[in-house]
C-alpha atoms as a PDB file:
ATOM      1  CA  MET A   1       0.000   0.000   0.000  1.00  0.00           C
ATOM      2  CA  PHE A   2       1.167   3.520  -0.763  1.00  0.00           C
ATOM      3  CA  VAL A   3       1.691   6.073   2.041  1.00  0.00           C
ATOM      4  CA  HIS A   4      -0.983   8.370   0.597  1.00  0.00           C
ATOM      5  CA  GLN A   5      -3.543   5.539   0.667  1.00  0.00           C
ATOM      6  CA  PHE A   6      -2.442   4.392   4.098  1.00  0.00           C
ATOM      7  CA  LEU A   7      -2.726   7.809   5.757  1.00  0.00           C
ATOM      8  CA  SER A   8      -5.879   8.896   3.950  1.00  0.00           C
ATOM      9  CA  GLN A   9      -7.725   6.260   6.002  1.00  0.00           C
ATOM     10  CA  CYS A  10      -7.571   8.585   9.074  1.00  0.00           C
ATOM     11  CA  ASN A  11      -4.452   6.875  10.389  1.00  0.00           C
ATOM     12  CA  TRP A  12      -2.350  10.034  10.832  1.00  0.00           C
ATOM     13  CA  THR A  13      -0.841  11.476  14.008  1.00  0.00           C
ATOM     14  CA  GLN A  14       1.557  14.212  15.074  1.00  0.00           C
ATOM     15  CA  GLY A  15       4.263  14.373  17.728  1.00  0.00           C
ATOM     16  CA  THR A  16       5.372  10.745  17.533  1.00  0.00           C
ATOM     17  CA  SER A  17       6.024   8.185  14.828  1.00  0.00           C
ATOM     18  CA  ALA A  18       3.171   5.866  15.849  1.00  0.00           C
ATOM     19  CA  VAL A  19       0.548   5.282  18.541  1.00  0.00           C
ATOM     20  CA  ASP A  20      -1.678   2.393  19.542  1.00  0.00           C
ATOM     21  CA  LYS A  21      -5.434   2.533  20.132  1.00  0.00           C
ATOM     22  CA  GLU A  22      -4.849   3.861  23.667  1.00  0.00           C
ATOM     23  CA  GLY A  23      -2.736   6.707  22.288  1.00  0.00           C
ATOM     24  CA  GLU A  24       0.491   5.253  23.676  1.00  0.00           C
ATOM     25  CA  LYS A  25       3.687   5.684  21.644  1.00  0.00           C
ATOM     26  CA  VAL A  26       4.779   2.532  19.835  1.00  0.00           C
ATOM     27  CA  ASP A  27       7.258   1.632  17.119  1.00  0.00           C
ATOM     28  CA  PRO A  28       5.867   2.207  13.591  1.00  0.00           C
ATOM     29  CA  SER A  29       6.290  -1.501  12.843  1.00  0.00           C
ATOM     30  CA  ASP A  30       4.441  -2.573  16.016  1.00  0.00           C
ATOM     31  CA  LEU A  31       1.352  -4.611  15.125  1.00  0.00           C
ATOM     32  CA  ASN A  32      -0.624  -2.631  17.725  1.00  0.00           C
ATOM     33  CA  ALA A  33       0.087   0.692  15.992  1.00  0.00           C
ATOM     34  CA  CYS A  34      -3.029   2.303  14.567  1.00  0.00           C
ATOM     35  CA  LYS A  35      -1.884   5.860  13.684  1.00  0.00           C
ATOM     36  CA  TRP A  36       1.374   7.025  12.144  1.00  0.00           C
ATOM     37  CA  CYS A  37       3.152  10.278  11.354  1.00  0.00           C
ATOM     38  CA  PHE A  38       4.522  10.839   7.833  1.00  0.00           C
ATOM     39  CA  LEU A  39       7.844   9.142   8.676  1.00  0.00           C
ATOM     40  CA  GLY A  40       6.135   6.347  10.597  1.00  0.00           C
ATOM     41  CA  ALA A  41       3.903   5.632   7.602  1.00  0.00           C
ATOM     42  CA  ILE A  42       6.948   5.516   5.331  1.00  0.00           C
ATOM     43  CA  ILE A  43       8.598   3.050   7.726  1.00  0.00           C
ATOM     44  CA  ARG A  44       5.431   0.933   7.795  1.00  0.00           C
ATOM     45  CA  CYS A  45       4.851   0.979   4.021  1.00  0.00           C
ATOM     46  CA  TYR A  46       8.492   0.654   2.925  1.00  0.00           C
ATOM     47  CA  PRO A  47      10.220  -1.418   5.638  1.00  0.00           C
ATOM     48  CA  ASP A  48      13.217  -2.317   3.477  1.00  0.00           C
ATOM     49  CA  SER A  49      13.833   1.086   1.889  1.00  0.00           C
ATOM     50  CA  TRP A  50      12.255   3.591   4.298  1.00  0.00           C
ATOM     51  CA  HIS A  51      15.499   5.486   4.888  1.00  0.00           C
ATOM     52  CA  ASP A  52      15.982   6.218   1.181  1.00  0.00           C
ATOM     53  CA  VAL A  53      12.316   7.158   0.734  1.00  0.00           C
ATOM     54  CA  ALA A  54      12.410   9.453   3.784  1.00  0.00           C
ATOM     55  CA  GLU A  55      15.564  11.192   2.532  1.00  0.00           C
ATOM     56  CA  ARG A  56      13.988  11.753  -0.883  1.00  0.00           C
ATOM     57  CA  VAL A  57      10.837  13.244   0.649  1.00  0.00           C
ATOM     58  CA  SER A  58      12.859  15.469   3.013  1.00  0.00           C
ATOM     59  CA  ARG A  59      14.845  16.797   0.058  1.00  0.00           C
ATOM     60  CA  TYR A  60      11.602  17.451  -1.833  1.00  0.00           C
ATOM     61  CA  LEU A  61      10.175  19.324   1.164  1.00  0.00           C
ATOM     62  CA  GLY A  62      13.410  21.154   1.972  1.00  0.00           C
ATOM     63  CA  GLN A  63      12.972  20.243   5.639  1.00  0.00           C
ATOM     64  CA  PRO A  64      12.943  17.202   7.930  1.00  0.00           C
ATOM     65  CA  LEU A  65       9.809  15.071   7.778  1.00  0.00           C
ATOM     66  CA  GLY A  66       9.132  15.566  11.490  1.00  0.00           C
ATOM     67  CA  THR A  67       9.178  19.341  11.123  1.00  0.00           C
ATOM     68  CA  PHE A  68       6.765  19.172   8.198  1.00  0.00           C
ATOM     69  CA  ASN A  69       4.490  16.603   9.878  1.00  0.00           C
ATOM     70  CA  ASP A  70       4.284  18.403  13.220  1.00  0.00           C
ATOM     71  CA  ALA A  71       3.806  21.980  11.993  1.00  0.00           C
ATOM     72  CA  ILE A  72       0.916  23.776  13.655  1.00  0.00           C
ATOM     73  CA  GLY A  73      -2.090  23.768  11.351  1.00  0.00           C
ATOM     74  CA  ARG A  74      -0.818  20.812   9.313  1.00  0.00           C
ATOM     75  CA  THR A  75      -3.507  18.357   8.260  1.00  0.00           C
ATOM     76  CA  VAL A  76      -3.541  14.852   6.888  1.00  0.00           C
ATOM     77  CA  PHE A  77      -4.542  16.370   3.541  1.00  0.00           C
ATOM     78  CA  ASP A  78      -1.182  18.197   3.389  1.00  0.00           C
ATOM     79  CA  ILE A  79       0.661  14.948   4.050  1.00  0.00           C
ATOM     80  CA  VAL A  80      -1.378  12.976   1.523  1.00  0.00           C
ATOM     81  CA  ARG A  81      -0.863  15.675  -1.136  1.00  0.00           C
ATOM     82  CA  VAL A  82       2.939  15.457  -0.749  1.00  0.00           C
ATOM     83  CA  ALA A  83       2.900  11.641  -0.681  1.00  0.00           C
ATOM     84  CA  LYS A  84       0.852  11.565  -3.895  1.00  0.00           C
ATOM     85  CA  ALA A  85       3.164  14.097  -5.557  1.00  0.00           C
ATOM     86  CA  MET A  86       6.126  11.899  -4.605  1.00  0.00           C
ATOM     87  CA  GLY A  87       4.424   8.732  -5.852  1.00  0.00           C
ATOM     88  CA  ILE A  88       4.606   7.045  -2.469  1.00  0.00           C
END
């Protein structure tokens, strides 16, 4: 599944890479994770190449993924738009 499809299902969060249904921080690859930040979704969707994908997206954005993801006023629609533009 692509990141833009994955996050457009209301699975997005800010402030941490992933959370479980209780809102507790978990690793993005944890089977109990139910929401992910932009980087966490990349890790989940591209487990073998996430580092390269994350670097490419950061270069495209001109800033770290965490900074982009956690900006005040950011929405899942902003994240999905970038993921679609990047083909991920």
